[in-house]
Amino acid sequence: MTWEGDGGEIGPMVEFLINTFDNPEAFAPECHIHHQERLPWLEIHDTLPRYRIWHDGEDEPYLHGPADKV
């Protein structure tokens, strides 16, 4: 249901799996992180920015939208 870790430079973290909430649709995604680590056959067709790694809001995405459209 959760993941806990030290979070490195940003400090301790607790992550909740979205499907544990009563209304998961209320939490719309803003981006994709670790996009290049996805399974090769999985591509989500939206226009959200894609980042190679975790980003802190200052990094530039390497891609916007699906990789198979490039």
PDB file of N, CA and C in Angstrom:
ATOM      1  N   MET A   1       0.806  -1.193   0.000  1.00  0.00           N
ATOM      2  CA  MET A   1       0.000   0.000   0.000  1.00  0.00           C
ATOM      3  C   MET A   1       0.857   1.269   0.000  1.00  0.00           C
ATOM      4  N   THR A   2       2.055   1.187   0.582  1.00  0.00           N
ATOM      5  CA  THR A   2       2.928   2.361   0.633  1.00  0.00           C
ATOM      6  C   THR A   2       4.362   1.940   0.374  1.00  0.00           C
ATOM      7  N   TRP A   3       5.170   2.942   0.130  1.00  0.00           N
ATOM      8  CA  TRP A   3       6.614   2.773   0.049  1.00  0.00           C
ATOM      9  C   TRP A   3       7.219   3.878   0.888  1.00  0.00           C
ATOM     10  N   GLU A   4       8.205   3.542   1.694  1.00  0.00           N
ATOM     11  CA  GLU A   4       8.888   4.529   2.522  1.00  0.00           C
ATOM     12  C   GLU A   4      10.379   4.460   2.237  1.00  0.00           C
ATOM     13  N   GLY A   5      11.019   5.630   2.207  1.00  0.00           N
ATOM     14  CA  GLY A   5      12.446   5.671   1.975  1.00  0.00           C
ATOM     15  C   GLY A   5      13.034   6.981   2.462  1.00  0.00           C
ATOM     16  N   ASP A   6      14.349   7.078   2.395  1.00  0.00           N
ATOM     17  CA  ASP A   6      14.989   8.286   2.916  1.00  0.00           C
ATOM     18  C   ASP A   6      14.877   9.468   1.947  1.00  0.00           C
ATOM     19  N   GLY A   7      14.607   9.235   0.691  1.00  0.00           N
ATOM     20  CA  GLY A   7      14.393  10.319  -0.263  1.00  0.00           C
ATOM     21  C   GLY A   7      15.625  11.102  -0.647  1.00  0.00           C
ATOM     22  N   GLY A   8      16.789  10.685  -0.184  1.00  0.00           N
ATOM     23  CA  GLY A   8      18.025  11.365  -0.558  1.00  0.00           C
ATOM     24  C   GLY A   8      18.036  12.826  -0.167  1.00  0.00           C
ATOM     25  N   GLU A   9      18.306  13.687  -1.132  1.00  0.00           N
ATOM     26  CA  GLU A   9      18.433  15.118  -0.872  1.00  0.00           C
ATOM     27  C   GLU A   9      17.127  15.784  -0.454  1.00  0.00           C
ATOM     28  N   ILE A  10      15.978  15.213  -0.827  1.00  0.00           N
ATOM     29  CA  ILE A  10      14.712  15.861  -0.489  1.00  0.00           C
ATOM     30  C   ILE A  10      14.153  15.417   0.855  1.00  0.00           C
ATOM     31  N   GLY A  11      14.789  14.456   1.482  1.00  0.00           N
ATOM     32  CA  GLY A  11      14.385  14.028   2.814  1.00  0.00           C
ATOM     33  C   GLY A  11      13.464  12.818   2.796  1.00  0.00           C
ATOM     34  N   PRO A  12      13.016  12.378   3.968  1.00  0.00           N
ATOM     35  CA  PRO A  12      12.175  11.177   4.075  1.00  0.00           C
ATOM     36  C   PRO A  12      10.906  11.280   3.226  1.00  0.00           C
ATOM     37  N   MET A  13      10.528  10.143   2.656  1.00  0.00           N
ATOM     38  CA  MET A  13       9.355  10.101   1.789  1.00  0.00           C
ATOM     39  C   MET A  13       8.459   8.930   2.150  1.00  0.00           C
ATOM     40  N   VAL A  14       7.162   9.133   1.961  1.00  0.00           N
ATOM     41  CA  VAL A  14       6.180   8.056   2.011  1.00  0.00           C
ATOM     42  C   VAL A  14       5.346   8.201   0.749  1.00  0.00           C
ATOM     43  N   GLU A  15       5.308   7.164  -0.064  1.00  0.00           N
ATOM     44  CA  GLU A  15       4.508   7.166  -1.287  1.00  0.00           C
ATOM     45  C   GLU A  15       3.334   6.218  -1.107  1.00  0.00           C
ATOM     46  N   PHE A  16       2.167   6.661  -1.548  1.00  0.00           N
ATOM     47  CA  PHE A  16       0.948   5.858  -1.478  1.00  0.00           C
ATOM     48  C   PHE A  16       0.559   5.401  -2.876  1.00  0.00           C
ATOM     49  N   LEU A  17       0.175   4.149  -3.016  1.00  0.00           N
ATOM     50  CA  LEU A  17      -0.323   3.670  -4.302  1.00  0.00           C
ATOM     51  C   LEU A  17      -1.655   4.349  -4.589  1.00  0.00           C
ATOM     52  N   ILE A  18      -1.813   4.882  -5.776  1.00  0.00           N
ATOM     53  CA  ILE A  18      -2.989   5.676  -6.120  1.00  0.00           C
ATOM     54  C   ILE A  18      -4.290   4.898  -5.949  1.00  0.00           C
ATOM     55  N   ASN A  19      -4.268   3.608  -6.191  1.00  0.00           N
ATOM     56  CA  ASN A  19      -5.508   2.835  -6.087  1.00  0.00           C
ATOM     57  C   ASN A  19      -5.939   2.578  -4.651  1.00  0.00           C
ATOM     58  N   THR A  20      -5.195   3.046  -3.663  1.00  0.00           N
ATOM     59  CA  THR A  20      -5.616   2.900  -2.268  1.00  0.00           C
ATOM     60  C   THR A  20      -6.535   4.038  -1.828  1.00  0.00           C
ATOM     61  N   PHE A  21      -6.671   5.072  -2.645  1.00  0.00           N
ATOM     62  CA  PHE A  21      -7.544   6.197  -2.310  1.00  0.00           C
ATOM     63  C   PHE A  21      -8.984   5.914  -2.735  1.00  0.00           C
ATOM     64  N   ASP A  22      -9.930   6.546  -2.046  1.00  0.00           N
ATOM     65  CA  ASP A  22     -11.341   6.375  -2.403  1.00  0.00           C
ATOM     66  C   ASP A  22     -11.662   6.950  -3.773  1.00  0.00           C
ATOM     67  N   ASN A  23     -11.039   8.064  -4.127  1.00  0.00           N
ATOM     68  CA  ASN A  23     -11.286   8.727  -5.411  1.00  0.00           C
ATOM     69  C   ASN A  23      -9.963   8.979  -6.127  1.00  0.00           C
ATOM     70  N   PRO A  24      -9.326   7.939  -6.655  1.00  0.00           N
ATOM     71  CA  PRO A  24      -8.016   8.122  -7.283  1.00  0.00           C
ATOM     72  C   PRO A  24      -8.050   9.060  -8.488  1.00  0.00           C
ATOM     73  N   GLU A  25      -9.208   9.193  -9.129  1.00  0.00           N
ATOM     74  CA  GLU A  25      -9.298  10.083 -10.291  1.00  0.00           C
ATOM     75  C   GLU A  25      -9.124  11.555  -9.912  1.00  0.00           C
ATOM     76  N   ALA A  26      -9.185  11.873  -8.626  1.00  0.00           N
ATOM     77  CA  ALA A  26      -8.994  13.250  -8.155  1.00  0.00           C
ATOM     78  C   ALA A  26      -7.527  13.672  -8.198  1.00  0.00           C
ATOM     79  N   PHE A  27      -6.620  12.725  -8.412  1.00  0.00           N
ATOM     80  CA  PHE A  27      -5.188  13.001  -8.407  1.00  0.00           C
ATOM     81  C   PHE A  27      -4.622  12.808  -9.817  1.00  0.00           C
ATOM     82  N   ALA A  28      -4.791  13.806 -10.641  1.00  0.00           N
ATOM     83  CA  ALA A  28      -4.326  13.716 -12.028  1.00  0.00           C
ATOM     84  C   ALA A  28      -2.806  13.824 -12.086  1.00  0.00           C
ATOM     85  N   PRO A  29      -2.155  13.027 -12.933  1.00  0.00           N
ATOM     86  CA  PRO A  29      -0.696  13.107 -13.052  1.00  0.00           C
ATOM     87  C   PRO A  29      -0.269  14.417 -13.703  1.00  0.00           C
ATOM     88  N   GLU A  30       0.947  14.843 -13.392  1.00  0.00           N
ATOM     89  CA  GLU A  30       1.512  16.060 -13.964  1.00  0.00           C
ATOM     90  C   GLU A  30       2.677  15.763 -14.901  1.00  0.00           C
ATOM     91  N   CYS A  31       3.286  14.578 -14.746  1.00  0.00           N
ATOM     92  CA  CYS A  31       4.422  14.199 -15.590  1.00  0.00           C
ATOM     93  C   CYS A  31       4.690  12.709 -15.410  1.00  0.00           C
ATOM     94  N   HIS A  32       5.635  12.208 -16.200  1.00  0.00           N
ATOM     95  CA  HIS A  32       6.116  10.826 -16.071  1.00  0.00           C
ATOM     96  C   HIS A  32       7.585  10.893 -15.685  1.00  0.00           C
ATOM     97  N   ILE A  33       7.960  10.210 -14.608  1.00  0.00           N
ATOM     98  CA  ILE A  33       9.361  10.158 -14.204  1.00  0.00           C
ATOM     99  C   ILE A  33       9.904   8.760 -14.484  1.00  0.00           C
ATOM    100  N   HIS A  34      11.199   8.649 -14.658  1.00  0.00           N
ATOM    101  CA  HIS A  34      11.852   7.376 -14.990  1.00  0.00           C
ATOM    102  C   HIS A  34      11.210   6.754 -16.232  1.00  0.00           C
ATOM    103  N   HIS A  35      10.831   7.598 -17.170  1.00  0.00           N
ATOM    104  CA  HIS A  35      10.108   7.164 -18.358  1.00  0.00           C
ATOM    105  C   HIS A  35      10.871   6.115 -19.162  1.00  0.00           C
ATOM    106  N   GLN A  36      12.166   6.242 -19.258  1.00  0.00           N
ATOM    107  CA  GLN A  36      12.946   5.296 -20.056  1.00  0.00           C
ATOM    108  C   GLN A  36      13.055   3.922 -19.397  1.00  0.00           C
ATOM    109  N   GLU A  37      12.619   3.795 -18.149  1.00  0.00           N
ATOM    110  CA  GLU A  37      12.666   2.509 -17.465  1.00  0.00           C
ATOM    111  C   GLU A  37      11.390   1.697 -17.650  1.00  0.00           C
ATOM    112  N   ARG A  38      10.426   2.232 -18.390  1.00  0.00           N
ATOM    113  CA  ARG A  38       9.159   1.521 -18.582  1.00  0.00           C
ATOM    114  C   ARG A  38       9.401   0.273 -19.432  1.00  0.00           C
ATOM    115  N   LEU A  39       8.474  -0.635 -19.403  1.00  0.00           N
ATOM    116  CA  LEU A  39       8.539  -1.804 -20.280  1.00  0.00           C
ATOM    117  C   LEU A  39       8.430  -1.313 -21.722  1.00  0.00           C
ATOM    118  N   PRO A  40       9.186  -1.902 -22.637  1.00  0.00           N
ATOM    119  CA  PRO A  40       9.215  -1.392 -24.007  1.00  0.00           C
ATOM    120  C   PRO A  40       7.853  -1.396 -24.698  1.00  0.00           C
ATOM    121  N   TRP A  41       6.957  -2.266 -24.307  1.00  0.00           N
ATOM    122  CA  TRP A  41       5.649  -2.342 -24.954  1.00  0.00           C
ATOM    123  C   TRP A  41       4.605  -1.448 -24.283  1.00  0.00           C
ATOM    124  N   LEU A  42       5.001  -0.725 -23.226  1.00  0.00           N
ATOM    125  CA  LEU A  42       4.051   0.140 -22.513  1.00  0.00           C
ATOM    126  C   LEU A  42       4.307   1.597 -22.869  1.00  0.00           C
ATOM    127  N   GLU A  43       3.352   2.210 -23.514  1.00  0.00           N
ATOM    128  CA  GLU A  43       3.433   3.637 -23.800  1.00  0.00           C
ATOM    129  C   GLU A  43       2.080   4.267 -23.515  1.00  0.00           C
ATOM    130  N   ILE A  44       2.084   5.287 -22.698  1.00  0.00           N
ATOM    131  CA  ILE A  44       0.859   5.997 -22.345  1.00  0.00           C
ATOM    132  C   ILE A  44       0.725   7.179 -23.303  1.00  0.00           C
ATOM    133  N   HIS A  45      -0.395   7.273 -23.967  1.00  0.00           N
ATOM    134  CA  HIS A  45      -0.606   8.294 -24.990  1.00  0.00           C
ATOM    135  C   HIS A  45      -1.275   9.526 -24.398  1.00  0.00           C
ATOM    136  N   ASP A  46      -0.454  10.373 -23.811  1.00  0.00           N
ATOM    137  CA  ASP A  46      -0.888  11.673 -23.332  1.00  0.00           C
ATOM    138  C   ASP A  46       0.190  12.682 -23.717  1.00  0.00           C
ATOM    139  N   THR A  47      -0.014  13.925 -23.381  1.00  0.00           N
ATOM    140  CA  THR A  47       0.955  14.961 -23.756  1.00  0.00           C
ATOM    141  C   THR A  47       1.801  15.428 -22.583  1.00  0.00           C
ATOM    142  N   LEU A  48       1.814  14.664 -21.495  1.00  0.00           N
ATOM    143  CA  LEU A  48       2.576  15.058 -20.314  1.00  0.00           C
ATOM    144  C   LEU A  48       4.075  14.986 -20.576  1.00  0.00           C
ATOM    145  N   PRO A  49       4.855  15.826 -19.882  1.00  0.00           N
ATOM    146  CA  PRO A  49       6.308  15.757 -20.043  1.00  0.00           C
ATOM    147  C   PRO A  49       6.862  14.456 -19.481  1.00  0.00           C
ATOM    148  N   ARG A  50       7.927  13.972 -20.109  1.00  0.00           N
ATOM    149  CA  ARG A  50       8.620  12.755 -19.681  1.00  0.00           C
ATOM    150  C   ARG A  50      10.036  13.120 -19.235  1.00  0.00           C
ATOM    151  N   TYR A  51      10.411  12.561 -18.080  1.00  0.00           N
ATOM    152  CA  TYR A  51      11.742  12.794 -17.519  1.00  0.00           C
ATOM    153  C   TYR A  51      12.476  11.474 -17.425  1.00  0.00           C
ATOM    154  N   ARG A  52      13.776  11.510 -17.660  1.00  0.00           N
ATOM    155  CA  ARG A  52      14.595  10.294 -17.544  1.00  0.00           C
ATOM    156  C   ARG A  52      14.704   9.829 -16.102  1.00  0.00           C
ATOM    157  N   ILE A  53      14.770  10.778 -15.175  1.00  0.00           N
ATOM    158  CA  ILE A  53      14.930  10.481 -13.746  1.00  0.00           C
ATOM    159  C   ILE A  53      13.934  11.326 -12.969  1.00  0.00           C
ATOM    160  N   TRP A  54      13.979  11.212 -11.663  1.00  0.00           N
ATOM    161  CA  TRP A  54      13.178  12.074 -10.791  1.00  0.00           C
ATOM    162  C   TRP A  54      13.586  13.501 -11.067  1.00  0.00           C
ATOM    163  N   HIS A  55      12.648  14.425 -11.093  1.00  0.00           N
ATOM    164  CA  HIS A  55      13.002  15.816 -11.352  1.00  0.00           C
ATOM    165  C   HIS A  55      12.516  16.690 -10.202  1.00  0.00           C
ATOM    166  N   ASP A  56      13.157  17.821 -10.048  1.00  0.00           N
ATOM    167  CA  ASP A  56      12.832  18.713  -8.930  1.00  0.00           C
ATOM    168  C   ASP A  56      12.089  19.967  -9.382  1.00  0.00           C
ATOM    169  N   GLY A  57      11.550  19.952 -10.591  1.00  0.00           N
ATOM    170  CA  GLY A  57      10.820  21.096 -11.092  1.00  0.00           C
ATOM    171  C   GLY A  57      11.673  22.070 -11.879  1.00  0.00           C
ATOM    172  N   GLU A  58      12.990  21.911 -11.827  1.00  0.00           N
ATOM    173  CA  GLU A  58      13.885  22.792 -12.569  1.00  0.00           C
ATOM    174  C   GLU A  58      14.457  22.113 -13.800  1.00  0.00           C
ATOM    175  N   ASP A  59      14.426  20.803 -13.841  1.00  0.00           N
ATOM    176  CA  ASP A  59      14.960  20.052 -14.976  1.00  0.00           C
ATOM    177  C   ASP A  59      14.023  20.176 -16.170  1.00  0.00           C
ATOM    178  N   GLU A  60      14.587  20.084 -17.350  1.00  0.00           N
ATOM    179  CA  GLU A  60      13.798  20.089 -18.574  1.00  0.00           C
ATOM    180  C   GLU A  60      13.443  18.646 -18.938  1.00  0.00           C
ATOM    181  N   PRO A  61      12.203  18.377 -19.347  1.00  0.00           N
ATOM    182  CA  PRO A  61      11.865  17.024 -19.798  1.00  0.00           C
ATOM    183  C   PRO A  61      12.601  16.705 -21.092  1.00  0.00           C
ATOM    184  N   TYR A  62      12.891  15.440 -21.314  1.00  0.00           N
ATOM    185  CA  TYR A  62      13.556  15.052 -22.550  1.00  0.00           C
ATOM    186  C   TYR A  62      12.534  14.807 -23.655  1.00  0.00           C
ATOM    187  N   LEU A  63      11.252  14.771 -23.283  1.00  0.00           N
ATOM    188  CA  LEU A  63      10.216  14.450 -24.252  1.00  0.00           C
ATOM    189  C   LEU A  63       8.866  14.941 -23.732  1.00  0.00           C
ATOM    190  N   HIS A  64       8.000  15.352 -24.639  1.00  0.00           N
ATOM    191  CA  HIS A  64       6.591  15.643 -24.331  1.00  0.00           C
ATOM    192  C   HIS A  64       5.763  14.702 -25.190  1.00  0.00           C
ATOM    193  N   GLY A  65       4.888  13.961 -24.584  1.00  0.00           N
ATOM    194  CA  GLY A  65       4.058  13.038 -25.338  1.00  0.00           C
ATOM    195  C   GLY A  65       4.724  11.685 -25.524  1.00  0.00           C
ATOM    196  N   PRO A  66       4.017  10.761 -26.167  1.00  0.00           N
ATOM    197  CA  PRO A  66       4.498   9.392 -26.319  1.00  0.00           C
ATOM    198  C   PRO A  66       5.801   9.278 -27.091  1.00  0.00           C
ATOM    199  N   ALA A  67       6.640   8.366 -26.656  1.00  0.00           N
ATOM    200  CA  ALA A  67       7.928   8.132 -27.306  1.00  0.00           C
ATOM    201  C   ALA A  67       7.735   7.525 -28.696  1.00  0.00           C
ATOM    202  N   ASP A  68       6.671   6.768 -28.894  1.00  0.00           N
ATOM    203  CA  ASP A  68       6.474   6.131 -30.192  1.00  0.00           C
ATOM    204  C   ASP A  68       5.957   7.102 -31.248  1.00  0.00           C
ATOM    205  N   LYS A  69       5.727   8.354 -30.885  1.00  0.00           N
ATOM    206  CA  LYS A  69       5.288   9.368 -31.841  1.00  0.00           C
ATOM    207  C   LYS A  69       6.456  10.216 -32.333  1.00  0.00           C
ATOM    208  N   VAL A  70       7.661   9.945 -31.808  1.00  0.00           N
ATOM    209  CA  VAL A  70       8.852  10.724 -32.189  1.00  0.00           C
ATOM    210  C   VAL A  70       9.442  10.184 -33.458  1.00  0.00           C
TER     211      VAL A  70
END
